Amino acid sequence: NINVKYIRNDTKKAIADYEIIATARNERMLGALSDVVVEVLDKHDRPIHHIEGKKARSTWILIDAFTIIVHLFTKDARAEYNLEGLYEEK
């Protein structure tokens, strides 16, 4: 169970057109999930600008693919940062 949320940013102030937020069961799965996301983006010719949090033992990995930003969290980190709450407040 990965619990994925998709957000379309349709304001001109948005950094990316789309944001995807997903939860992994643990840090090991988080790393594996980020590898899969990178493979899928590459397969669909989506260049990756930057990946943050992959090298360290992280609870949040951010993949910046220019028009798409993917946030991968552990369950606890997703609850702590609550990105969905930021979008719901708009």
PDB file of N, CA and C in Angstrom:
ATOM      1  N   ASN A   1       0.839  -1.180   0.000  1.00  0.00           N
ATOM      2  CA  ASN A   1       0.000   0.000   0.000  1.00  0.00           C
ATOM      3  C   ASN A   1       0.886   1.246   0.000  1.00  0.00           C
ATOM      4  N   ILE A   2       0.818   2.027  -1.055  1.00  0.00           N
ATOM      5  CA  ILE A   2       1.719   3.168  -1.223  1.00  0.00           C
ATOM      6  C   ILE A   2       1.020   4.516  -0.978  1.00  0.00           C
ATOM      7  N   ASN A   3      -0.288   4.585  -0.996  1.00  0.00           N
ATOM      8  CA  ASN A   3      -1.057   5.803  -0.716  1.00  0.00           C
ATOM      9  C   ASN A   3      -0.527   6.989  -1.515  1.00  0.00           C
ATOM     10  N   VAL A   4      -1.027   7.128  -2.723  1.00  0.00           N
ATOM     11  CA  VAL A   4      -0.560   8.161  -3.645  1.00  0.00           C
ATOM     12  C   VAL A   4      -1.603   9.262  -3.775  1.00  0.00           C
ATOM     13  N   LYS A   5      -1.148  10.501  -3.757  1.00  0.00           N
ATOM     14  CA  LYS A   5      -2.019  11.653  -3.996  1.00  0.00           C
ATOM     15  C   LYS A   5      -1.407  12.465  -5.127  1.00  0.00           C
ATOM     16  N   TYR A   6      -2.270  12.873  -6.042  1.00  0.00           N
ATOM     17  CA  TYR A   6      -1.862  13.636  -7.214  1.00  0.00           C
ATOM     18  C   TYR A   6      -2.448  15.038  -7.083  1.00  0.00           C
ATOM     19  N   ILE A   7      -1.639  16.047  -7.321  1.00  0.00           N
ATOM     20  CA  ILE A   7      -2.093  17.434  -7.224  1.00  0.00           C
ATOM     21  C   ILE A   7      -1.734  18.155  -8.516  1.00  0.00           C
ATOM     22  N   ARG A   8      -2.728  18.774  -9.115  1.00  0.00           N
ATOM     23  CA  ARG A   8      -2.480  19.594 -10.308  1.00  0.00           C
ATOM     24  C   ARG A   8      -2.405  21.043  -9.849  1.00  0.00           C
ATOM     25  N   ASN A   9      -1.284  21.658 -10.141  1.00  0.00           N
ATOM     26  CA  ASN A   9      -1.085  23.071  -9.793  1.00  0.00           C
ATOM     27  C   ASN A   9      -1.451  23.912 -11.004  1.00  0.00           C
ATOM     28  N   ASP A  10      -2.533  24.637 -10.902  1.00  0.00           N
ATOM     29  CA  ASP A  10      -2.931  25.435 -12.053  1.00  0.00           C
ATOM     30  C   ASP A  10      -2.780  26.937 -11.827  1.00  0.00           C
ATOM     31  N   THR A  11      -1.993  27.299 -10.827  1.00  0.00           N
ATOM     32  CA  THR A  11      -1.704  28.718 -10.642  1.00  0.00           C
ATOM     33  C   THR A  11      -0.372  29.042 -11.316  1.00  0.00           C
ATOM     34  N   LYS A  12      -0.233  30.262 -11.744  1.00  0.00           N
ATOM     35  CA  LYS A  12       1.006  30.662 -12.424  1.00  0.00           C
ATOM     36  C   LYS A  12       2.187  30.752 -11.465  1.00  0.00           C
ATOM     37  N   LYS A  13       1.914  30.825 -10.170  1.00  0.00           N
ATOM     38  CA  LYS A  13       2.980  30.912  -9.171  1.00  0.00           C
ATOM     39  C   LYS A  13       3.562  29.549  -8.807  1.00  0.00           C
ATOM     40  N   ALA A  14       2.948  28.482  -9.275  1.00  0.00           N
ATOM     41  CA  ALA A  14       3.390  27.128  -8.913  1.00  0.00           C
ATOM     42  C   ALA A  14       4.768  26.833  -9.497  1.00  0.00           C
ATOM     43  N   ILE A  15       5.540  26.074  -8.754  1.00  0.00           N
ATOM     44  CA  ILE A  15       6.874  25.674  -9.203  1.00  0.00           C
ATOM     45  C   ILE A  15       6.779  24.611 -10.290  1.00  0.00           C
ATOM     46  N   ALA A  16       5.792  23.724 -10.173  1.00  0.00           N
ATOM     47  CA  ALA A  16       5.609  22.635 -11.137  1.00  0.00           C
ATOM     48  C   ALA A  16       4.128  22.520 -11.478  1.00  0.00           C
ATOM     49  N   ASP A  17       3.843  21.917 -12.619  1.00  0.00           N
ATOM     50  CA  ASP A  17       2.450  21.720 -13.026  1.00  0.00           C
ATOM     51  C   ASP A  17       1.765  20.634 -12.202  1.00  0.00           C
ATOM     52  N   TYR A  18       2.536  19.622 -11.832  1.00  0.00           N
ATOM     53  CA  TYR A  18       1.978  18.482 -11.103  1.00  0.00           C
ATOM     54  C   TYR A  18       2.872  18.137  -9.920  1.00  0.00           C
ATOM     55  N   GLU A  19       2.236  17.713  -8.844  1.00  0.00           N
ATOM     56  CA  GLU A  19       2.976  17.174  -7.706  1.00  0.00           C
ATOM     57  C   GLU A  19       2.339  15.851  -7.323  1.00  0.00           C
ATOM     58  N   ILE A  20       3.186  14.901  -7.038  1.00  0.00           N
ATOM     59  CA  ILE A  20       2.737  13.579  -6.624  1.00  0.00           C
ATOM     60  C   ILE A  20       3.316  13.324  -5.243  1.00  0.00           C
ATOM     61  N   ILE A  21       2.467  12.895  -4.330  1.00  0.00           N
ATOM     62  CA  ILE A  21       2.889  12.590  -2.963  1.00  0.00           C
ATOM     63  C   ILE A  21       2.578  11.124  -2.712  1.00  0.00           C
ATOM     64  N   ALA A  22       3.568  10.370  -2.269  1.00  0.00           N
ATOM     65  CA  ALA A  22       3.368   8.939  -2.018  1.00  0.00           C
ATOM     66  C   ALA A  22       4.065   8.533  -0.725  1.00  0.00           C
ATOM     67  N   THR A  23       3.556   7.465  -0.126  1.00  0.00           N
ATOM     68  CA  THR A  23       4.090   6.967   1.140  1.00  0.00           C
ATOM     69  C   THR A  23       4.679   5.582   0.960  1.00  0.00           C
ATOM     70  N   ALA A  24       5.861   5.381   1.497  1.00  0.00           N
ATOM     71  CA  ALA A  24       6.493   4.060   1.527  1.00  0.00           C
ATOM     72  C   ALA A  24       6.444   3.536   2.961  1.00  0.00           C
ATOM     73  N   ARG A  25       6.438   2.221   3.114  1.00  0.00           N
ATOM     74  CA  ARG A  25       6.334   1.616   4.448  1.00  0.00           C
ATOM     75  C   ARG A  25       7.546   1.883   5.331  1.00  0.00           C
ATOM     76  N   ASN A  26       8.717   2.008   4.713  1.00  0.00           N
ATOM     77  CA  ASN A  26       9.935   2.210   5.499  1.00  0.00           C
ATOM     78  C   ASN A  26      10.994   2.865   4.608  1.00  0.00           C
ATOM     79  N   GLU A  27      12.141   3.179   5.188  1.00  0.00           N
ATOM     80  CA  GLU A  27      13.197   3.874   4.447  1.00  0.00           C
ATOM     81  C   GLU A  27      13.752   3.033   3.300  1.00  0.00           C
ATOM     82  N   ARG A  28      13.831   1.737   3.489  1.00  0.00           N
ATOM     83  CA  ARG A  28      14.338   0.866   2.424  1.00  0.00           C
ATOM     84  C   ARG A  28      13.394   0.887   1.218  1.00  0.00           C
ATOM     85  N   MET A  29      12.101   0.780   1.497  1.00  0.00           N
ATOM     86  CA  MET A  29      11.121   0.839   0.414  1.00  0.00           C
ATOM     87  C   MET A  29      11.115   2.217  -0.235  1.00  0.00           C
ATOM     88  N   LEU A  30      11.380   3.240   0.549  1.00  0.00           N
ATOM     89  CA  LEU A  30      11.443   4.601   0.029  1.00  0.00           C
ATOM     90  C   LEU A  30      12.515   4.709  -1.056  1.00  0.00           C
ATOM     91  N   GLY A  31      13.686   4.154  -0.788  1.00  0.00           N
ATOM     92  CA  GLY A  31      14.761   4.167  -1.781  1.00  0.00           C
ATOM     93  C   GLY A  31      14.405   3.387  -3.028  1.00  0.00           C
ATOM     94  N   ALA A  32      13.787   2.222  -2.846  1.00  0.00           N
ATOM     95  CA  ALA A  32      13.383   1.400  -3.992  1.00  0.00           C
ATOM     96  C   ALA A  32      12.305   2.108  -4.808  1.00  0.00           C
ATOM     97  N   LEU A  33      11.363   2.735  -4.127  1.00  0.00           N
ATOM     98  CA  LEU A  33      10.299   3.458  -4.814  1.00  0.00           C
ATOM     99  C   LEU A  33      10.865   4.616  -5.627  1.00  0.00           C
ATOM    100  N   SER A  34      11.859   5.302  -5.084  1.00  0.00           N
ATOM    101  CA  SER A  34      12.472   6.405  -5.833  1.00  0.00           C
ATOM    102  C   SER A  34      13.164   5.894  -7.093  1.00  0.00           C
ATOM    103  N   ASP A  35      13.777   4.722  -7.019  1.00  0.00           N
ATOM    104  CA  ASP A  35      14.396   4.126  -8.207  1.00  0.00           C
ATOM    105  C   ASP A  35      13.353   3.846  -9.288  1.00  0.00           C
ATOM    106  N   VAL A  36      12.201   3.336  -8.879  1.00  0.00           N
ATOM    107  CA  VAL A  36      11.120   3.039  -9.832  1.00  0.00           C
ATOM    108  C   VAL A  36      10.600   4.329 -10.461  1.00  0.00           C
ATOM    109  N   VAL A  37      10.412   5.363  -9.652  1.00  0.00           N
ATOM    110  CA  VAL A  37       9.933   6.645 -10.182  1.00  0.00           C
ATOM    111  C   VAL A  37      10.912   7.192 -11.214  1.00  0.00           C
ATOM    112  N   VAL A  38      12.198   7.143 -10.919  1.00  0.00           N
ATOM    113  CA  VAL A  38      13.214   7.624 -11.862  1.00  0.00           C
ATOM    114  C   VAL A  38      13.164   6.817 -13.161  1.00  0.00           C
ATOM    115  N   GLU A  39      13.017   5.502 -13.069  1.00  0.00           N
ATOM    116  CA  GLU A  39      12.915   4.654 -14.264  1.00  0.00           C
ATOM    117  C   GLU A  39      11.701   5.021 -15.107  1.00  0.00           C
ATOM    118  N   VAL A  40      10.567   5.233 -14.460  1.00  0.00           N
ATOM    119  CA  VAL A  40       9.340   5.575 -15.188  1.00  0.00           C
ATOM    120  C   VAL A  40       9.479   6.939 -15.855  1.00  0.00           C
ATOM    121  N   LEU A  41      10.018   7.911 -15.145  1.00  0.00           N
ATOM    122  CA  LEU A  41      10.225   9.227 -15.744  1.00  0.00           C
ATOM    123  C   LEU A  41      11.158   9.136 -16.946  1.00  0.00           C
ATOM    124  N   ASP A  42      12.229   8.378 -16.811  1.00  0.00           N
ATOM    125  CA  ASP A  42      13.178   8.193 -17.906  1.00  0.00           C
ATOM    126  C   ASP A  42      12.511   7.505 -19.100  1.00  0.00           C
ATOM    127  N   LYS A  43      11.716   6.501 -18.821  1.00  0.00           N
ATOM    128  CA  LYS A  43      11.017   5.759 -19.882  1.00  0.00           C
ATOM    129  C   LYS A  43      10.081   6.671 -20.673  1.00  0.00           C
ATOM    130  N   HIS A  44       9.540   7.682 -20.009  1.00  0.00           N
ATOM    131  CA  HIS A  44       8.618   8.612 -20.661  1.00  0.00           C
ATOM    132  C   HIS A  44       9.304   9.918 -21.065  1.00  0.00           C
ATOM    133  N   ASP A  45      10.631   9.862 -21.174  1.00  0.00           N
ATOM    134  CA  ASP A  45      11.431  11.009 -21.627  1.00  0.00           C
ATOM    135  C   ASP A  45      11.203  12.273 -20.804  1.00  0.00           C
ATOM    136  N   ARG A  46      11.075  12.106 -19.502  1.00  0.00           N
ATOM    137  CA  ARG A  46      10.946  13.236 -18.585  1.00  0.00           C
ATOM    138  C   ARG A  46      12.298  13.449 -17.910  1.00  0.00           C
ATOM    139  N   PRO A  47      13.016  14.496 -18.266  1.00  0.00           N
ATOM    140  CA  PRO A  47      14.331  14.719 -17.662  1.00  0.00           C
ATOM    141  C   PRO A  47      14.211  15.054 -16.176  1.00  0.00           C
ATOM    142  N   ILE A  48      15.191  14.638 -15.421  1.00  0.00           N
ATOM    143  CA  ILE A  48      15.211  14.906 -13.987  1.00  0.00           C
ATOM    144  C   ILE A  48      16.202  16.028 -13.715  1.00  0.00           C
ATOM    145  N   HIS A  49      15.727  17.047 -13.059  1.00  0.00           N
ATOM    146  CA  HIS A  49      16.563  18.192 -12.710  1.00  0.00           C
ATOM    147  C   HIS A  49      17.393  17.904 -11.460  1.00  0.00           C
ATOM    148  N   HIS A  50      16.743  17.319 -10.443  1.00  0.00           N
ATOM    149  CA  HIS A  50      17.445  17.118  -9.173  1.00  0.00           C
ATOM    150  C   HIS A  50      16.709  16.086  -8.320  1.00  0.00           C
ATOM    151  N   ILE A  51      17.475  15.339  -7.530  1.00  0.00           N
ATOM    152  CA  ILE A  51      16.907  14.420  -6.544  1.00  0.00           C
ATOM    153  C   ILE A  51      17.501  14.793  -5.193  1.00  0.00           C
ATOM    154  N   GLU A  52      16.648  15.005  -4.213  1.00  0.00           N
ATOM    155  CA  GLU A  52      17.080  15.387  -2.870  1.00  0.00           C
ATOM    156  C   GLU A  52      16.683  14.305  -1.868  1.00  0.00           C
ATOM    157  N   GLY A  53      17.603  13.953  -0.975  1.00  0.00           N
ATOM    158  CA  GLY A  53      17.306  13.012   0.093  1.00  0.00           C
ATOM    159  C   GLY A  53      17.623  11.565  -0.217  1.00  0.00           C
ATOM    160  N   LYS A  54      18.120  11.282  -1.395  1.00  0.00           N
ATOM    161  CA  LYS A  54      18.385   9.900  -1.805  1.00  0.00           C
ATOM    162  C   LYS A  54      19.651   9.340  -1.165  1.00  0.00           C
ATOM    163  N   LYS A  55      20.678  10.144  -1.025  1.00  0.00           N
ATOM    164  CA  LYS A  55      21.967   9.623  -0.552  1.00  0.00           C
ATOM    165  C   LYS A  55      21.986   9.367   0.945  1.00  0.00           C
ATOM    166  N   ALA A  56      21.340  10.195   1.707  1.00  0.00           N
ATOM    167  CA  ALA A  56      21.321  10.023   3.167  1.00  0.00           C
ATOM    168  C   ALA A  56      20.143   9.126   3.556  1.00  0.00           C
ATOM    169  N   ARG A  57      20.207   8.579   4.751  1.00  0.00           N
ATOM    170  CA  ARG A  57      19.033   7.841   5.261  1.00  0.00           C
ATOM    171  C   ARG A  57      17.957   8.873   5.520  1.00  0.00           C
ATOM    172  N   SER A  58      17.055   8.971   4.594  1.00  0.00           N
ATOM    173  CA  SER A  58      16.071  10.033   4.643  1.00  0.00           C
ATOM    174  C   SER A  58      14.665   9.472   4.778  1.00  0.00           C
ATOM    175  N   THR A  59      13.779  10.285   5.297  1.00  0.00           N
ATOM    176  CA  THR A  59      12.370   9.915   5.385  1.00  0.00           C
ATOM    177  C   THR A  59      11.550  10.657   4.337  1.00  0.00           C
ATOM    178  N   TRP A  60      12.238  11.487   3.528  1.00  0.00           N
ATOM    179  CA  TRP A  60      11.574  12.247   2.466  1.00  0.00           C
ATOM    180  C   TRP A  60      12.543  12.339   1.293  1.00  0.00           C
ATOM    181  N   ILE A  61      12.117  11.848   0.154  1.00  0.00           N
ATOM    182  CA  ILE A  61      12.895  11.982  -1.078  1.00  0.00           C
ATOM    183  C   ILE A  61      12.076  12.829  -2.039  1.00  0.00           C
ATOM    184  N   LEU A  62      12.707  13.849  -2.586  1.00  0.00           N
ATOM    185  CA  LEU A  62      12.053  14.729  -3.543  1.00  0.00           C
ATOM    186  C   LEU A  62      12.716  14.531  -4.900  1.00  0.00           C
ATOM    187  N   ILE A  63      11.907  14.287  -5.912  1.00  0.00           N
ATOM    188  CA  ILE A  63      12.401  14.135  -7.277  1.00  0.00           C
ATOM    189  C   ILE A  63      11.817  15.281  -8.100  1.00  0.00           C
ATOM    190  N   ASP A  64      12.683  16.154  -8.576  1.00  0.00           N
ATOM    191  CA  ASP A  64      12.277  17.319  -9.360  1.00  0.00           C
ATOM    192  C   ASP A  64      12.486  16.998 -10.833  1.00  0.00           C
ATOM    193  N   ALA A  65      11.383  16.824 -11.533  1.00  0.00           N
ATOM    194  CA  ALA A  65      11.435  16.541 -12.968  1.00  0.00           C
ATOM    195  C   ALA A  65      10.831  17.723 -13.734  1.00  0.00           C
ATOM    196  N   PHE A  66      11.226  18.906 -13.349  1.00  0.00           N
ATOM    197  CA  PHE A  66      10.799  20.167 -13.950  1.00  0.00           C
ATOM    198  C   PHE A  66       9.298  20.405 -13.788  1.00  0.00           C
ATOM    199  N   THR A  67       8.461  19.868 -14.656  1.00  0.00           N
ATOM    200  CA  THR A  67       7.017  20.110 -14.568  1.00  0.00           C
ATOM    201  C   THR A  67       6.314  19.167 -13.600  1.00  0.00           C
ATOM    202  N   ILE A  68       7.040  18.166 -13.120  1.00  0.00           N
ATOM    203  CA  ILE A  68       6.490  17.195 -12.168  1.00  0.00           C
ATOM    204  C   ILE A  68       7.434  17.118 -10.972  1.00  0.00           C
ATOM    205  N   ILE A  69       6.874  17.263  -9.783  1.00  0.00           N
ATOM    206  CA  ILE A  69       7.660  17.065  -8.568  1.00  0.00           C
ATOM    207  C   ILE A  69       7.050  15.898  -7.813  1.00  0.00           C
ATOM    208  N   VAL A  70       7.892  14.947  -7.444  1.00  0.00           N
ATOM    209  CA  VAL A  70       7.443  13.762  -6.724  1.00  0.00           C
ATOM    210  C   VAL A  70       8.014  13.812  -5.311  1.00  0.00           C
ATOM    211  N   HIS A  71       7.130  13.720  -4.329  1.00  0.00           N
ATOM    212  CA  HIS A  71       7.512  13.674  -2.920  1.00  0.00           C
ATOM    213  C   HIS A  71       7.259  12.259  -2.428  1.00  0.00           C
ATOM    214  N   LEU A  72       8.290  11.590  -1.964  1.00  0.00           N
ATOM    215  CA  LEU A  72       8.152  10.244  -1.415  1.00  0.00           C
ATOM    216  C   LEU A  72       8.485  10.313   0.070  1.00  0.00           C
ATOM    217  N   PHE A  73       7.570   9.851   0.894  1.00  0.00           N
ATOM    218  CA  PHE A  73       7.717   9.947   2.346  1.00  0.00           C
ATOM    219  C   PHE A  73       7.572   8.593   3.013  1.00  0.00           C
ATOM    220  N   THR A  74       8.140   8.478   4.214  1.00  0.00           N
ATOM    221  CA  THR A  74       7.704   7.420   5.120  1.00  0.00           C
ATOM    222  C   THR A  74       6.386   7.919   5.728  1.00  0.00           C
ATOM    223  N   LYS A  75       5.646   7.020   6.338  1.00  0.00           N
ATOM    224  CA  LYS A  75       4.337   7.384   6.895  1.00  0.00           C
ATOM    225  C   LYS A  75       4.453   8.512   7.925  1.00  0.00           C
ATOM    226  N   ASP A  76       5.404   8.391   8.836  1.00  0.00           N
ATOM    227  CA  ASP A  76       5.562   9.413   9.878  1.00  0.00           C
ATOM    228  C   ASP A  76       5.967  10.769   9.299  1.00  0.00           C
ATOM    229  N   ALA A  77       6.871  10.770   8.327  1.00  0.00           N
ATOM    230  CA  ALA A  77       7.317  12.029   7.722  1.00  0.00           C
ATOM    231  C   ALA A  77       6.181  12.689   6.947  1.00  0.00           C
ATOM    232  N   ARG A  78       5.373  11.895   6.272  1.00  0.00           N
ATOM    233  CA  ARG A  78       4.249  12.468   5.524  1.00  0.00           C
ATOM    234  C   ARG A  78       3.272  13.154   6.474  1.00  0.00           C
ATOM    235  N   ALA A  79       3.017  12.534   7.599  1.00  0.00           N
ATOM    236  CA  ALA A  79       2.123  13.141   8.591  1.00  0.00           C
ATOM    237  C   ALA A  79       2.751  14.408   9.179  1.00  0.00           C
ATOM    238  N   GLU A  80       4.057  14.366   9.436  1.00  0.00           N
ATOM    239  CA  GLU A  80       4.743  15.518  10.032  1.00  0.00           C
ATOM    240  C   GLU A  80       4.750  16.733   9.105  1.00  0.00           C
ATOM    241  N   TYR A  81       5.101  16.530   7.839  1.00  0.00           N
ATOM    242  CA  TYR A  81       5.203  17.653   6.907  1.00  0.00           C
ATOM    243  C   TYR A  81       3.851  18.080   6.347  1.00  0.00           C
ATOM    244  N   ASN A  82       2.918  17.158   6.237  1.00  0.00           N
ATOM    245  CA  ASN A  82       1.540  17.443   5.833  1.00  0.00           C
ATOM    246  C   ASN A  82       1.435  18.365   4.614  1.00  0.00           C
ATOM    247  N   LEU A  83       2.076  17.996   3.532  1.00  0.00           N
ATOM    248  CA  LEU A  83       1.998  18.813   2.318  1.00  0.00           C
ATOM    249  C   LEU A  83       0.575  18.937   1.799  1.00  0.00           C
ATOM    250  N   GLU A  84      -0.212  17.884   1.938  1.00  0.00           N
ATOM    251  CA  GLU A  84      -1.604  17.950   1.484  1.00  0.00           C
ATOM    252  C   GLU A  84      -2.347  19.081   2.188  1.00  0.00           C
ATOM    253  N   GLY A  85      -2.051  19.274   3.462  1.00  0.00           N
ATOM    254  CA  GLY A  85      -2.690  20.347   4.223  1.00  0.00           C
ATOM    255  C   GLY A  85      -2.361  21.721   3.665  1.00  0.00           C
ATOM    256  N   LEU A  86      -1.158  21.897   3.167  1.00  0.00           N
ATOM    257  CA  LEU A  86      -0.778  23.177   2.557  1.00  0.00           C
ATOM    258  C   LEU A  86      -1.610  23.465   1.316  1.00  0.00           C
ATOM    259  N   TYR A  87      -1.868  22.429   0.517  1.00  0.00           N
ATOM    260  CA  TYR A  87      -2.647  22.620  -0.703  1.00  0.00           C
ATOM    261  C   TYR A  87      -4.124  22.804  -0.403  1.00  0.00           C
ATOM    262  N   GLU A  88      -4.620  22.150   0.633  1.00  0.00           N
ATOM    263  CA  GLU A  88      -6.033  22.272   0.990  1.00  0.00           C
ATOM    264  C   GLU A  88      -6.359  23.647   1.544  1.00  0.00           C
ATOM    265  N   GLU A  89      -5.371  24.352   2.072  1.00  0.00           N
ATOM    266  CA  GLU A  89      -5.594  25.682   2.645  1.00  0.00           C
ATOM    267  C   GLU A  89      -5.762  26.760   1.588  1.00  0.00           C
ATOM    268  N   LYS A  90      -5.451  26.469   0.327  1.00  0.00           N
ATOM    269  CA  LYS A  90      -5.541  27.478  -0.743  1.00  0.00           C
ATOM    270  C   LYS A  90      -6.963  27.938  -0.944  1.00  0.00           C
TER     271      LYS A  90
END
